[in-house]
N, C-alpha and C. Protein backbone atom coordinates (compact mmCIF):
# COMPACT_ATOMS: atom_id res chain seq x y z
N MET A 1 0.84 -1.18 0.00
CA MET A 1 0.00 0.00 0.00
C MET A 1 0.88 1.24 0.00
N ASP A 2 0.45 2.25 -0.73
CA ASP A 2 1.15 3.52 -0.76
C ASP A 2 0.81 4.28 0.53
N GLN A 3 1.78 4.40 1.40
CA GLN A 3 1.55 5.01 2.70
C GLN A 3 1.12 6.47 2.62
N THR A 4 1.45 7.14 1.54
CA THR A 4 1.11 8.55 1.47
C THR A 4 -0.30 8.80 0.96
N ALA A 5 -0.94 7.81 0.38
CA ALA A 5 -2.28 8.02 -0.16
C ALA A 5 -3.34 8.07 0.94
N ILE A 6 -3.13 7.27 1.99
CA ILE A 6 -4.08 7.22 3.11
C ILE A 6 -3.30 7.37 4.41
N ASP A 7 -3.78 8.26 5.26
CA ASP A 7 -3.21 8.41 6.60
C ASP A 7 -3.82 7.29 7.45
N GLU A 8 -3.02 6.28 7.71
CA GLU A 8 -3.55 5.11 8.41
C GLU A 8 -4.03 5.43 9.82
N ALA A 9 -3.48 6.43 10.46
CA ALA A 9 -3.94 6.81 11.80
C ALA A 9 -5.40 7.29 11.73
N VAL A 10 -5.71 8.07 10.72
CA VAL A 10 -7.09 8.55 10.54
C VAL A 10 -8.01 7.37 10.24
N TYR A 11 -7.55 6.49 9.36
CA TYR A 11 -8.35 5.32 8.99
C TYR A 11 -8.60 4.44 10.20
N ARG A 12 -7.58 4.18 11.00
CA ARG A 12 -7.71 3.32 12.18
C ARG A 12 -8.63 3.97 13.23
N GLU A 13 -8.55 5.28 13.36
CA GLU A 13 -9.43 5.99 14.28
C GLU A 13 -10.89 5.84 13.83
N LEU A 14 -11.13 5.93 12.54
CA LEU A 14 -12.48 5.73 12.01
C LEU A 14 -12.96 4.32 12.34
N GLN A 15 -12.10 3.34 12.17
CA GLN A 15 -12.46 1.96 12.51
C GLN A 15 -12.80 1.83 13.99
N ALA A 16 -12.01 2.45 14.84
CA ALA A 16 -12.23 2.37 16.28
C ALA A 16 -13.55 3.03 16.67
N THR A 17 -13.89 4.10 15.98
CA THR A 17 -15.10 4.85 16.29
C THR A 17 -16.35 4.19 15.72
N ALA A 18 -16.28 3.79 14.45
CA ALA A 18 -17.47 3.31 13.75
C ALA A 18 -17.56 1.79 13.67
N GLY A 19 -16.46 1.11 13.89
CA GLY A 19 -16.44 -0.34 13.77
C GLY A 19 -15.84 -0.76 12.43
N ALA A 20 -14.97 -1.74 12.48
CA ALA A 20 -14.22 -2.16 11.29
C ALA A 20 -15.13 -2.62 10.16
N GLU A 21 -16.16 -3.40 10.47
CA GLU A 21 -17.05 -3.90 9.41
C GLU A 21 -17.83 -2.76 8.76
N PHE A 22 -18.28 -1.82 9.56
CA PHE A 22 -19.01 -0.68 9.01
C PHE A 22 -18.11 0.16 8.11
N VAL A 23 -16.87 0.33 8.51
CA VAL A 23 -15.92 1.10 7.71
C VAL A 23 -15.68 0.42 6.37
N VAL A 24 -15.60 -0.90 6.36
CA VAL A 24 -15.46 -1.62 5.09
C VAL A 24 -16.65 -1.30 4.18
N ASP A 25 -17.85 -1.30 4.73
CA ASP A 25 -19.03 -0.95 3.94
C ASP A 25 -18.96 0.49 3.42
N LEU A 26 -18.51 1.40 4.29
CA LEU A 26 -18.37 2.81 3.88
C LEU A 26 -17.36 2.95 2.73
N VAL A 27 -16.24 2.26 2.88
CA VAL A 27 -15.21 2.33 1.84
C VAL A 27 -15.75 1.78 0.53
N ARG A 28 -16.41 0.64 0.59
CA ARG A 28 -16.97 0.05 -0.64
C ARG A 28 -17.98 0.98 -1.31
N THR A 29 -18.81 1.61 -0.51
CA THR A 29 -19.78 2.57 -1.06
C THR A 29 -19.05 3.73 -1.72
N PHE A 30 -18.06 4.26 -1.03
CA PHE A 30 -17.28 5.36 -1.61
C PHE A 30 -16.62 4.94 -2.92
N LEU A 31 -16.01 3.76 -2.94
CA LEU A 31 -15.33 3.29 -4.15
C LEU A 31 -16.32 3.05 -5.29
N ASP A 32 -17.54 2.69 -4.95
CA ASP A 32 -18.58 2.53 -5.98
C ASP A 32 -19.05 3.88 -6.53
N GLU A 33 -19.14 4.87 -5.64
CA GLU A 33 -19.71 6.17 -6.02
C GLU A 33 -18.70 7.18 -6.55
N ALA A 34 -17.46 7.07 -6.14
CA ALA A 34 -16.45 8.07 -6.51
C ALA A 34 -16.25 8.22 -8.01
N PRO A 35 -16.19 7.13 -8.78
CA PRO A 35 -16.03 7.33 -10.24
C PRO A 35 -17.15 8.19 -10.84
N GLY A 36 -18.36 8.02 -10.35
CA GLY A 36 -19.46 8.85 -10.82
C GLY A 36 -19.30 10.31 -10.41
N MET A 37 -18.76 10.52 -9.21
CA MET A 37 -18.51 11.89 -8.76
C MET A 37 -17.43 12.54 -9.62
N LEU A 38 -16.39 11.78 -9.91
CA LEU A 38 -15.32 12.33 -10.76
C LEU A 38 -15.85 12.66 -12.16
N ALA A 39 -16.68 11.78 -12.69
CA ALA A 39 -17.29 12.05 -14.00
C ALA A 39 -18.22 13.25 -13.91
N GLY A 40 -18.91 13.38 -12.77
CA GLY A 40 -19.80 14.53 -12.57
C GLY A 40 -19.05 15.85 -12.54
N LEU A 41 -17.85 15.84 -11.99
CA LEU A 41 -17.02 17.05 -12.02
C LEU A 41 -16.69 17.45 -13.44
N SER A 42 -16.29 16.48 -14.24
CA SER A 42 -15.94 16.77 -15.64
C SER A 42 -17.17 17.27 -16.40
N LYS A 43 -18.31 16.64 -16.15
CA LYS A 43 -19.55 17.06 -16.82
C LYS A 43 -19.94 18.48 -16.41
N ALA A 44 -19.84 18.76 -15.11
CA ALA A 44 -20.17 20.11 -14.64
C ALA A 44 -19.23 21.14 -15.26
N ARG A 45 -17.95 20.79 -15.38
CA ARG A 45 -16.98 21.69 -16.03
C ARG A 45 -17.39 21.95 -17.46
N LEU A 46 -17.73 20.89 -18.16
CA LEU A 46 -18.11 20.99 -19.57
C LEU A 46 -19.37 21.84 -19.76
N GLU A 47 -20.31 21.69 -18.84
CA GLU A 47 -21.58 22.40 -18.93
C GLU A 47 -21.55 23.78 -18.27
N GLY A 48 -20.43 24.11 -17.61
CA GLY A 48 -20.34 25.40 -16.93
C GLY A 48 -21.23 25.49 -15.70
N ASP A 49 -21.51 24.36 -15.07
CA ASP A 49 -22.38 24.30 -13.90
C ASP A 49 -21.54 24.42 -12.63
N GLY A 50 -21.28 25.66 -12.24
CA GLY A 50 -20.41 25.92 -11.10
C GLY A 50 -20.95 25.37 -9.80
N GLU A 51 -22.25 25.42 -9.59
CA GLU A 51 -22.83 24.93 -8.35
C GLU A 51 -22.65 23.42 -8.21
N SER A 52 -22.94 22.68 -9.26
CA SER A 52 -22.74 21.23 -9.23
C SER A 52 -21.26 20.89 -9.08
N PHE A 53 -20.41 21.65 -9.72
CA PHE A 53 -18.97 21.46 -9.64
C PHE A 53 -18.50 21.58 -8.19
N ARG A 54 -18.90 22.67 -7.53
CA ARG A 54 -18.49 22.90 -6.14
C ARG A 54 -19.08 21.85 -5.19
N ARG A 55 -20.34 21.49 -5.40
CA ARG A 55 -21.00 20.52 -4.53
C ARG A 55 -20.33 19.14 -4.62
N THR A 56 -20.01 18.73 -5.84
CA THR A 56 -19.36 17.44 -6.04
C THR A 56 -17.95 17.44 -5.47
N ALA A 57 -17.22 18.53 -5.69
CA ALA A 57 -15.88 18.64 -5.12
C ALA A 57 -15.95 18.59 -3.60
N HIS A 58 -16.98 19.22 -3.02
CA HIS A 58 -17.16 19.19 -1.57
C HIS A 58 -17.37 17.75 -1.08
N SER A 59 -18.18 16.98 -1.78
CA SER A 59 -18.42 15.58 -1.40
C SER A 59 -17.14 14.76 -1.45
N LEU A 60 -16.36 14.95 -2.49
CA LEU A 60 -15.09 14.23 -2.59
C LEU A 60 -14.13 14.65 -1.48
N LYS A 61 -14.12 15.92 -1.18
CA LYS A 61 -13.27 16.43 -0.09
C LYS A 61 -13.68 15.79 1.23
N SER A 62 -14.95 15.77 1.51
CA SER A 62 -15.45 15.22 2.76
C SER A 62 -15.11 13.74 2.89
N ASN A 63 -15.29 12.99 1.82
CA ASN A 63 -14.94 11.57 1.84
C ASN A 63 -13.44 11.39 2.05
N GLY A 64 -12.65 12.19 1.38
CA GLY A 64 -11.21 12.11 1.54
C GLY A 64 -10.80 12.35 2.98
N ILE A 65 -11.38 13.34 3.61
CA ILE A 65 -11.08 13.64 5.01
C ILE A 65 -11.49 12.46 5.89
N THR A 66 -12.66 11.92 5.66
CA THR A 66 -13.17 10.81 6.46
C THR A 66 -12.23 9.61 6.45
N PHE A 67 -11.70 9.27 5.28
CA PHE A 67 -10.88 8.07 5.14
C PHE A 67 -9.38 8.33 5.30
N GLY A 68 -9.00 9.57 5.51
CA GLY A 68 -7.58 9.88 5.66
C GLY A 68 -6.86 10.04 4.35
N ALA A 69 -7.59 10.26 3.28
CA ALA A 69 -6.99 10.49 1.96
C ALA A 69 -6.71 11.99 1.83
N ARG A 70 -5.65 12.41 2.49
CA ARG A 70 -5.37 13.84 2.60
C ARG A 70 -5.09 14.51 1.25
N GLY A 71 -4.36 13.83 0.39
CA GLY A 71 -4.07 14.40 -0.93
C GLY A 71 -5.33 14.59 -1.74
N LEU A 72 -6.19 13.59 -1.73
CA LEU A 72 -7.47 13.67 -2.43
C LEU A 72 -8.30 14.81 -1.86
N ALA A 73 -8.37 14.88 -0.55
CA ALA A 73 -9.15 15.94 0.10
C ALA A 73 -8.61 17.33 -0.26
N ALA A 74 -7.30 17.47 -0.27
CA ALA A 74 -6.70 18.78 -0.57
C ALA A 74 -6.99 19.22 -2.00
N LEU A 75 -6.89 18.29 -2.94
CA LEU A 75 -7.17 18.64 -4.34
C LEU A 75 -8.65 18.97 -4.53
N ALA A 76 -9.51 18.20 -3.89
CA ALA A 76 -10.95 18.46 -3.99
C ALA A 76 -11.30 19.79 -3.33
N ARG A 77 -10.65 20.09 -2.21
CA ARG A 77 -10.88 21.38 -1.53
C ARG A 77 -10.52 22.55 -2.45
N GLU A 78 -9.41 22.40 -3.13
CA GLU A 78 -8.99 23.46 -4.06
C GLU A 78 -10.05 23.68 -5.14
N LEU A 79 -10.57 22.59 -5.70
CA LEU A 79 -11.62 22.72 -6.72
C LEU A 79 -12.88 23.35 -6.13
N GLU A 80 -13.23 22.93 -4.93
CA GLU A 80 -14.42 23.47 -4.28
C GLU A 80 -14.29 24.97 -4.05
N GLN A 81 -13.15 25.38 -3.53
CA GLN A 81 -12.96 26.78 -3.19
C GLN A 81 -12.82 27.68 -4.40
N LYS A 82 -12.12 27.20 -5.42
CA LYS A 82 -11.89 28.02 -6.60
C LYS A 82 -13.07 28.00 -7.57
N GLY A 83 -13.83 26.92 -7.54
CA GLY A 83 -14.94 26.81 -8.49
C GLY A 83 -14.40 26.68 -9.90
N LEU A 84 -15.25 26.92 -10.86
CA LEU A 84 -14.84 26.82 -12.26
C LEU A 84 -13.86 27.93 -12.60
N ASP A 85 -12.81 27.56 -13.28
CA ASP A 85 -11.80 28.52 -13.71
C ASP A 85 -12.20 29.07 -15.07
N ALA A 86 -11.93 30.33 -15.30
CA ALA A 86 -12.21 30.91 -16.61
C ALA A 86 -11.41 30.21 -17.70
N ASP A 87 -10.26 29.69 -17.35
CA ASP A 87 -9.42 28.94 -18.28
C ASP A 87 -9.69 27.45 -18.07
N SER A 88 -10.44 26.85 -18.96
CA SER A 88 -10.84 25.45 -18.78
C SER A 88 -9.64 24.50 -18.76
N SER A 89 -8.52 24.91 -19.35
CA SER A 89 -7.34 24.03 -19.33
C SER A 89 -6.79 23.89 -17.91
N ARG A 90 -6.92 24.94 -17.10
CA ARG A 90 -6.48 24.83 -15.70
C ARG A 90 -7.36 23.84 -14.95
N ASP A 91 -8.67 23.91 -15.19
CA ASP A 91 -9.56 22.93 -14.57
C ASP A 91 -9.24 21.53 -15.05
N ALA A 92 -8.93 21.38 -16.31
CA ALA A 92 -8.59 20.05 -16.84
C ALA A 92 -7.36 19.50 -16.14
N GLN A 93 -6.37 20.34 -15.89
CA GLN A 93 -5.17 19.91 -15.18
C GLN A 93 -5.49 19.52 -13.74
N ARG A 94 -6.32 20.31 -13.09
CA ARG A 94 -6.71 20.01 -11.70
C ARG A 94 -7.53 18.73 -11.63
N LEU A 95 -8.43 18.55 -12.58
CA LEU A 95 -9.24 17.33 -12.60
C LEU A 95 -8.37 16.10 -12.87
N SER A 96 -7.39 16.25 -13.72
CA SER A 96 -6.47 15.14 -13.99
C SER A 96 -5.67 14.78 -12.74
N ALA A 97 -5.22 15.79 -12.01
CA ALA A 97 -4.49 15.55 -10.77
C ALA A 97 -5.39 14.86 -9.75
N LEU A 98 -6.64 15.30 -9.67
CA LEU A 98 -7.59 14.69 -8.75
C LEU A 98 -7.84 13.23 -9.13
N GLN A 99 -8.00 12.97 -10.40
CA GLN A 99 -8.21 11.60 -10.89
C GLN A 99 -7.03 10.70 -10.50
N SER A 100 -5.82 11.21 -10.68
CA SER A 100 -4.62 10.44 -10.33
C SER A 100 -4.55 10.17 -8.84
N GLU A 101 -4.86 11.18 -8.05
CA GLU A 101 -4.81 11.01 -6.60
C GLU A 101 -5.91 10.06 -6.14
N TYR A 102 -7.07 10.13 -6.79
CA TYR A 102 -8.13 9.18 -6.44
C TYR A 102 -7.65 7.74 -6.72
N ALA A 103 -6.97 7.52 -7.83
CA ALA A 103 -6.49 6.17 -8.16
C ALA A 103 -5.54 5.67 -7.08
N ARG A 104 -4.71 6.54 -6.57
CA ARG A 104 -3.79 6.15 -5.49
C ARG A 104 -4.57 5.82 -4.21
N ALA A 105 -5.54 6.67 -3.87
CA ALA A 105 -6.34 6.45 -2.67
C ALA A 105 -7.18 5.18 -2.82
N GLU A 106 -7.72 4.97 -4.00
CA GLU A 106 -8.52 3.77 -4.26
C GLU A 106 -7.69 2.51 -4.02
N ALA A 107 -6.49 2.46 -4.56
CA ALA A 107 -5.62 1.30 -4.38
C ALA A 107 -5.30 1.08 -2.90
N ALA A 108 -5.01 2.16 -2.20
CA ALA A 108 -4.67 2.06 -0.78
C ALA A 108 -5.87 1.60 0.04
N LEU A 109 -7.04 2.14 -0.24
CA LEU A 109 -8.25 1.74 0.48
C LEU A 109 -8.59 0.27 0.21
N LYS A 110 -8.44 -0.15 -1.03
CA LYS A 110 -8.69 -1.55 -1.33
C LYS A 110 -7.73 -2.46 -0.57
N ALA A 111 -6.48 -2.05 -0.48
CA ALA A 111 -5.51 -2.84 0.28
C ALA A 111 -5.90 -2.91 1.76
N LEU A 112 -6.42 -1.82 2.30
CA LEU A 112 -6.83 -1.82 3.71
C LEU A 112 -8.05 -2.71 3.96
N ILE A 113 -9.02 -2.67 3.08
CA ILE A 113 -10.23 -3.47 3.34
C ILE A 113 -10.03 -4.94 2.97
N ASP A 114 -9.09 -5.22 2.09
CA ASP A 114 -8.82 -6.60 1.72
C ASP A 114 -7.85 -7.25 2.69
N GLY A 115 -7.26 -6.41 3.54
CA GLY A 115 -6.37 -6.86 4.60
C GLY A 115 -5.19 -7.59 4.16
């Protein structure tokens, strides 16, 4: 597992608080829903829907914080706070970075739940 993708202390604290089995269910739900959220960000960018863009980025940020995916949360926070950029190429770069960081977090989370 890539140690930098997930802060294991945050993840373990979540397990201690919510229960290990419940956290596995939460992670699986997130992994099922996140690709749609990432696609939703791209769609919102394409359609110029700033409200949907910010809301979806907020959801990704919140999930990242919950699971200890600090890099994912930071990139999503940046998108949430900045909203749509007048230069769509900057948003494309940010979305690409977010997609890459999600892939790292996804692999790390899968390693944690598969034990």
